Every structure is written in structure tokens, then in C-alpha cells.
Amino acid sequence: MTITSITPGDQALITLKALQDAVSKNLEHKKKLGHYVVTWQNGKPVRVGADAPKQVN
């Protein structure tokens, strides 16, 4: 596999910003409703929030 480093184009940056804004808005909405979210920490999914089900190991 060859990895190259190029600067993303303007359209890619606009798309990235829109996706980041949408995710941030959704996470804030879930937080206000008291819902938990699932995120990645140390390569594993983690449930975060007061109503999150207990982790099963």
C-alpha cells in the first residue's frame, strides 16, 4: 500500500466541514435529550452518557 499526502481540494474541505457540523449538532441534540452516544476510545466502541447500558467485557 502506498500512502501519499496531498492537500484536499476546496470541495472536499467544504464537505468535511458540513459533516463535522452535522455530527456536532446531532451529538449536542442527543446530550440535551439525555441520550447516550457511542464513540471510539482506544480502538473500541464506548457508550457515553447517563443512560448508557453497562459495558459488557
PDB file of N, CA and C in Angstrom:
ATOM      1  N   MET A   1       0.842  -1.167   0.000  1.00  0.00           N
ATOM      2  CA  MET A   1       0.000   0.000   0.000  1.00  0.00           C
ATOM      3  C   MET A   1       0.888   1.232   0.000  1.00  0.00           C
ATOM      4  N   THR A   2       0.549   2.167  -0.867  1.00  0.00           N
ATOM      5  CA  THR A   2       1.289   3.411  -0.945  1.00  0.00           C
ATOM      6  C   THR A   2       0.437   4.531  -0.374  1.00  0.00           C
ATOM      7  N   ILE A   3       0.999   5.267   0.560  1.00  0.00           N
ATOM      8  CA  ILE A   3       0.292   6.400   1.162  1.00  0.00           C
ATOM      9  C   ILE A   3       0.917   7.681   0.641  1.00  0.00           C
ATOM     10  N   THR A   4       0.088   8.529   0.080  1.00  0.00           N
ATOM     11  CA  THR A   4       0.575   9.815  -0.398  1.00  0.00           C
ATOM     12  C   THR A   4      -0.106  10.919   0.389  1.00  0.00           C
ATOM     13  N   SER A   5       0.528  12.038   0.465  1.00  0.00           N
ATOM     14  CA  SER A   5      -0.023  13.176   1.191  1.00  0.00           C
ATOM     15  C   SER A   5      -0.294  14.305   0.204  1.00  0.00           C
ATOM     16  N   ILE A   6      -1.579  14.607   0.032  1.00  0.00           N
ATOM     17  CA  ILE A   6      -1.954  15.715  -0.835  1.00  0.00           C
ATOM     18  C   ILE A   6      -2.906  16.618  -0.073  1.00  0.00           C
ATOM     19  N   THR A   7      -2.955  17.856  -0.467  1.00  0.00           N
ATOM     20  CA  THR A   7      -3.860  18.804   0.169  1.00  0.00           C
ATOM     21  C   THR A   7      -5.259  18.614  -0.423  1.00  0.00           C
ATOM     22  N   PRO A   8      -6.286  18.448   0.435  1.00  0.00           N
ATOM     23  CA  PRO A   8      -7.632  18.277  -0.084  1.00  0.00           C
ATOM     24  C   PRO A   8      -8.096  19.535  -0.821  1.00  0.00           C
ATOM     25  N   GLY A   9      -8.934  19.340  -1.820  1.00  0.00           N
ATOM     26  CA  GLY A   9      -9.460  20.452  -2.590  1.00  0.00           C
ATOM     27  C   GLY A   9     -10.509  21.226  -1.806  1.00  0.00           C
ATOM     28  N   ASP A  10     -10.919  22.350  -2.368  1.00  0.00           N
ATOM     29  CA  ASP A  10     -11.903  23.212  -1.713  1.00  0.00           C
ATOM     30  C   ASP A  10     -13.216  22.474  -1.458  1.00  0.00           C
ATOM     31  N   GLN A  11     -13.695  21.715  -2.442  1.00  0.00           N
ATOM     32  CA  GLN A  11     -14.962  20.993  -2.286  1.00  0.00           C
ATOM     33  C   GLN A  11     -14.860  19.945  -1.180  1.00  0.00           C
ATOM     34  N   ALA A  12     -13.724  19.270  -1.075  1.00  0.00           N
ATOM     35  CA  ALA A  12     -13.530  18.276  -0.021  1.00  0.00           C
ATOM     36  C   ALA A  12     -13.546  18.939   1.354  1.00  0.00           C
ATOM     37  N   LEU A  13     -12.934  20.100   1.474  1.00  0.00           N
ATOM     38  CA  LEU A  13     -12.919  20.811   2.753  1.00  0.00           C
ATOM     39  C   LEU A  13     -14.310  21.304   3.139  1.00  0.00           C
ATOM     40  N   ILE A  14     -15.080  21.765   2.149  1.00  0.00           N
ATOM     41  CA  ILE A  14     -16.456  22.201   2.407  1.00  0.00           C
ATOM     42  C   ILE A  14     -17.300  21.020   2.880  1.00  0.00           C
ATOM     43  N   THR A  15     -17.130  19.877   2.224  1.00  0.00           N
ATOM     44  CA  THR A  15     -17.867  18.664   2.594  1.00  0.00           C
ATOM     45  C   THR A  15     -17.488  18.218   3.993  1.00  0.00           C
ATOM     46  N   LEU A  16     -16.195  18.207   4.305  1.00  0.00           N
ATOM     47  CA  LEU A  16     -15.725  17.825   5.633  1.00  0.00           C
ATOM     48  C   LEU A  16     -16.320  18.727   6.703  1.00  0.00           C
ATOM     49  N   LYS A  17     -16.318  20.023   6.481  1.00  0.00           N
ATOM     50  CA  LYS A  17     -16.879  20.985   7.448  1.00  0.00           C
ATOM     51  C   LYS A  17     -18.369  20.726   7.659  1.00  0.00           C
ATOM     52  N   ALA A  18     -19.106  20.465   6.573  1.00  0.00           N
ATOM     53  CA  ALA A  18     -20.538  20.189   6.684  1.00  0.00           C
ATOM     54  C   ALA A  18     -20.792  18.927   7.506  1.00  0.00           C
ATOM     55  N   LEU A  19     -19.999  17.889   7.279  1.00  0.00           N
ATOM     56  CA  LEU A  19     -20.149  16.644   8.043  1.00  0.00           C
ATOM     57  C   LEU A  19     -19.812  16.850   9.520  1.00  0.00           C
ATOM     58  N   GLN A  20     -18.743  17.589   9.796  1.00  0.00           N
ATOM     59  CA  GLN A  20     -18.366  17.863  11.184  1.00  0.00           C
ATOM     60  C   GLN A  20     -19.454  18.658  11.897  1.00  0.00           C
ATOM     61  N   ASP A  21     -20.022  19.648  11.218  1.00  0.00           N
ATOM     62  CA  ASP A  21     -21.096  20.454  11.807  1.00  0.00           C
ATOM     63  C   ASP A  21     -22.323  19.596  12.095  1.00  0.00           C
ATOM     64  N   ALA A  22     -22.678  18.713  11.151  1.00  0.00           N
ATOM     65  CA  ALA A  22     -23.851  17.855  11.319  1.00  0.00           C
ATOM     66  C   ALA A  22     -23.672  16.910  12.510  1.00  0.00           C
ATOM     67  N   VAL A  23     -22.500  16.323  12.635  1.00  0.00           N
ATOM     68  CA  VAL A  23     -22.243  15.405  13.746  1.00  0.00           C
ATOM     69  C   VAL A  23     -22.253  16.155  15.069  1.00  0.00           C
ATOM     70  N   SER A  24     -21.622  17.319  15.125  1.00  0.00           N
ATOM     71  CA  SER A  24     -21.599  18.110  16.357  1.00  0.00           C
ATOM     72  C   SER A  24     -23.016  18.495  16.781  1.00  0.00           C
ATOM     73  N   LYS A  25     -23.821  18.906  15.817  1.00  0.00           N
ATOM     74  CA  LYS A  25     -25.206  19.296  16.106  1.00  0.00           C
ATOM     75  C   LYS A  25     -25.999  18.104  16.638  1.00  0.00           C
ATOM     76  N   ASN A  26     -25.821  16.945  16.021  1.00  0.00           N
ATOM     77  CA  ASN A  26     -26.540  15.752  16.450  1.00  0.00           C
ATOM     78  C   ASN A  26     -26.109  15.304  17.841  1.00  0.00           C
ATOM     79  N   LEU A  27     -24.811  15.350  18.128  1.00  0.00           N
ATOM     80  CA  LEU A  27     -24.324  14.968  19.459  1.00  0.00           C
ATOM     81  C   LEU A  27     -24.865  15.918  20.527  1.00  0.00           C
ATOM     82  N   GLU A  28     -24.902  17.207  20.231  1.00  0.00           N
ATOM     83  CA  GLU A  28     -25.445  18.185  21.181  1.00  0.00           C
ATOM     84  C   GLU A  28     -26.929  17.929  21.411  1.00  0.00           C
ATOM     85  N   HIS A  29     -27.658  17.611  20.353  1.00  0.00           N
ATOM     86  CA  HIS A  29     -29.085  17.314  20.457  1.00  0.00           C
ATOM     87  C   HIS A  29     -29.318  16.096  21.353  1.00  0.00           C
ATOM     88  N   LYS A  30     -28.542  15.033  21.137  1.00  0.00           N
ATOM     89  CA  LYS A  30     -28.669  13.826  21.955  1.00  0.00           C
ATOM     90  C   LYS A  30     -28.343  14.126  23.423  1.00  0.00           C
ATOM     91  N   LYS A  31     -27.349  14.974  23.641  1.00  0.00           N
ATOM     92  CA  LYS A  31     -26.965  15.335  25.007  1.00  0.00           C
ATOM     93  C   LYS A  31     -28.106  16.076  25.707  1.00  0.00           C
ATOM     94  N   LYS A  32     -28.739  17.003  24.994  1.00  0.00           N
ATOM     95  CA  LYS A  32     -29.860  17.761  25.568  1.00  0.00           C
ATOM     96  C   LYS A  32     -31.041  16.858  25.892  1.00  0.00           C
ATOM     97  N   LEU A  33     -31.240  15.815  25.071  1.00  0.00           N
ATOM     98  CA  LEU A  33     -32.334  14.873  25.311  1.00  0.00           C
ATOM     99  C   LEU A  33     -31.994  13.850  26.390  1.00  0.00           C
ATOM    100  N   GLY A  34     -30.719  13.788  26.778  1.00  0.00           N
ATOM    101  CA  GLY A  34     -30.290  12.827  27.790  1.00  0.00           C
ATOM    102  C   GLY A  34     -29.990  11.458  27.233  1.00  0.00           C
ATOM    103  N   HIS A  35     -29.764  11.374  25.929  1.00  0.00           N
ATOM    104  CA  HIS A  35     -29.453  10.091  25.298  1.00  0.00           C
ATOM    105  C   HIS A  35     -27.952   9.834  25.336  1.00  0.00           C
ATOM    106  N   TYR A  36     -27.595   8.568  25.372  1.00  0.00           N
ATOM    107  CA  TYR A  36     -26.177   8.223  25.330  1.00  0.00           C
ATOM    108  C   TYR A  36     -25.699   8.174  23.883  1.00  0.00           C
ATOM    109  N   VAL A  37     -24.393   8.228  23.700  1.00  0.00           N
ATOM    110  CA  VAL A  37     -23.792   8.113  22.376  1.00  0.00           C
ATOM    111  C   VAL A  37     -22.724   7.024  22.425  1.00  0.00           C
ATOM    112  N   VAL A  38     -22.396   6.502  21.269  1.00  0.00           N
ATOM    113  CA  VAL A  38     -21.334   5.505  21.153  1.00  0.00           C
ATOM    114  C   VAL A  38     -20.188   6.147  20.390  1.00  0.00           C
ATOM    115  N   THR A  39     -19.014   6.155  21.000  1.00  0.00           N
ATOM    116  CA  THR A  39     -17.825   6.724  20.373  1.00  0.00           C
ATOM    117  C   THR A  39     -16.708   5.683  20.413  1.00  0.00           C
ATOM    118  N   TRP A  40     -15.596   6.007  19.792  1.00  0.00           N
ATOM    119  CA  TRP A  40     -14.425   5.128  19.800  1.00  0.00           C
ATOM    120  C   TRP A  40     -13.385   5.675  20.768  1.00  0.00           C
ATOM    121  N   GLN A  41     -12.858   4.801  21.619  1.00  0.00           N
ATOM    122  CA  GLN A  41     -11.755   5.145  22.511  1.00  0.00           C
ATOM    123  C   GLN A  41     -10.809   3.949  22.544  1.00  0.00           C
ATOM    124  N   ASN A  42      -9.552   4.200  22.270  1.00  0.00           N
ATOM    125  CA  ASN A  42      -8.533   3.139  22.271  1.00  0.00           C
ATOM    126  C   ASN A  42      -8.910   1.986  21.350  1.00  0.00           C
ATOM    127  N   GLY A  43      -9.494   2.313  20.214  1.00  0.00           N
ATOM    128  CA  GLY A  43      -9.815   1.298  19.222  1.00  0.00           C
ATOM    129  C   GLY A  43     -11.044   0.455  19.520  1.00  0.00           C
ATOM    130  N   LYS A  44     -11.837   0.854  20.521  1.00  0.00           N
ATOM    131  CA  LYS A  44     -13.027   0.094  20.885  1.00  0.00           C
ATOM    132  C   LYS A  44     -14.223   1.035  21.018  1.00  0.00           C
ATOM    133  N   PRO A  45     -15.440   0.537  20.703  1.00  0.00           N
ATOM    134  CA  PRO A  45     -16.622   1.369  20.904  1.00  0.00           C
ATOM    135  C   PRO A  45     -16.923   1.523  22.392  1.00  0.00           C
ATOM    136  N   VAL A  46     -17.300   2.741  22.794  1.00  0.00           N
ATOM    137  CA  VAL A  46     -17.591   3.032  24.193  1.00  0.00           C
ATOM    138  C   VAL A  46     -18.905   3.803  24.256  1.00  0.00           C
ATOM    139  N   ARG A  47     -19.793   3.393  25.148  1.00  0.00           N
ATOM    140  CA  ARG A  47     -21.056   4.097  25.351  1.00  0.00           C
ATOM    141  C   ARG A  47     -20.842   5.182  26.386  1.00  0.00           C
ATOM    142  N   VAL A  48     -21.282   6.414  26.069  1.00  0.00           N
ATOM    143  CA  VAL A  48     -21.076   7.557  26.949  1.00  0.00           C
ATOM    144  C   VAL A  48     -22.418   8.231  27.214  1.00  0.00           C
ATOM    145  N   GLY A  49     -22.723   8.468  28.481  1.00  0.00           N
ATOM    146  CA  GLY A  49     -23.949   9.150  28.853  1.00  0.00           C
ATOM    147  C   GLY A  49     -24.563   8.504  30.081  1.00  0.00           C
ATOM    148  N   ALA A  50     -25.431   9.265  30.747  1.00  0.00           N
ATOM    149  CA  ALA A  50     -26.034   8.789  31.994  1.00  0.00           C
ATOM    150  C   ALA A  50     -26.901   7.554  31.784  1.00  0.00           C
ATOM    151  N   ASP A  51     -27.563   7.445  30.635  1.00  0.00           N
ATOM    152  CA  ASP A  51     -28.464   6.320  30.391  1.00  0.00           C
ATOM    153  C   ASP A  51     -27.816   5.195  29.600  1.00  0.00           C
ATOM    154  N   ALA A  52     -26.495   5.238  29.454  1.00  0.00           N
ATOM    155  CA  ALA A  52     -25.797   4.233  28.651  1.00  0.00           C
ATOM    156  C   ALA A  52     -25.876   2.855  29.307  1.00  0.00           C
ATOM    157  N   PRO A  53     -26.160   1.823  28.512  1.00  0.00           N
ATOM    158  CA  PRO A  53     -26.128   0.465  29.056  1.00  0.00           C
ATOM    159  C   PRO A  53     -24.732   0.132  29.562  1.00  0.00           C
ATOM    160  N   LYS A  54     -24.649  -0.733  30.535  1.00  0.00           N
ATOM    161  CA  LYS A  54     -23.331  -1.109  31.072  1.00  0.00           C
ATOM    162  C   LYS A  54     -22.527  -1.821  30.020  1.00  0.00           C
ATOM    163  N   GLN A  55     -21.207  -1.603  30.067  1.00  0.00           N
ATOM    164  CA  GLN A  55     -20.294  -2.244  29.131  1.00  0.00           C
ATOM    165  C   GLN A  55     -20.188  -3.726  29.468  1.00  0.00           C
ATOM    166  N   VAL A  56     -20.182  -4.546  28.418  1.00  0.00           N
ATOM    167  CA  VAL A  56     -20.001  -5.987  28.591  1.00  0.00           C
ATOM    168  C   VAL A  56     -18.615  -6.327  28.084  1.00  0.00           C
ATOM    169  N   ASN A  57     -17.789  -6.906  28.923  1.00  0.00           N
ATOM    170  CA  ASN A  57     -16.416  -7.253  28.512  1.00  0.00           C
ATOM    171  C   ASN A  57     -16.289  -8.691  28.178  1.00  0.00           C
TER     172      ASN A  57
END
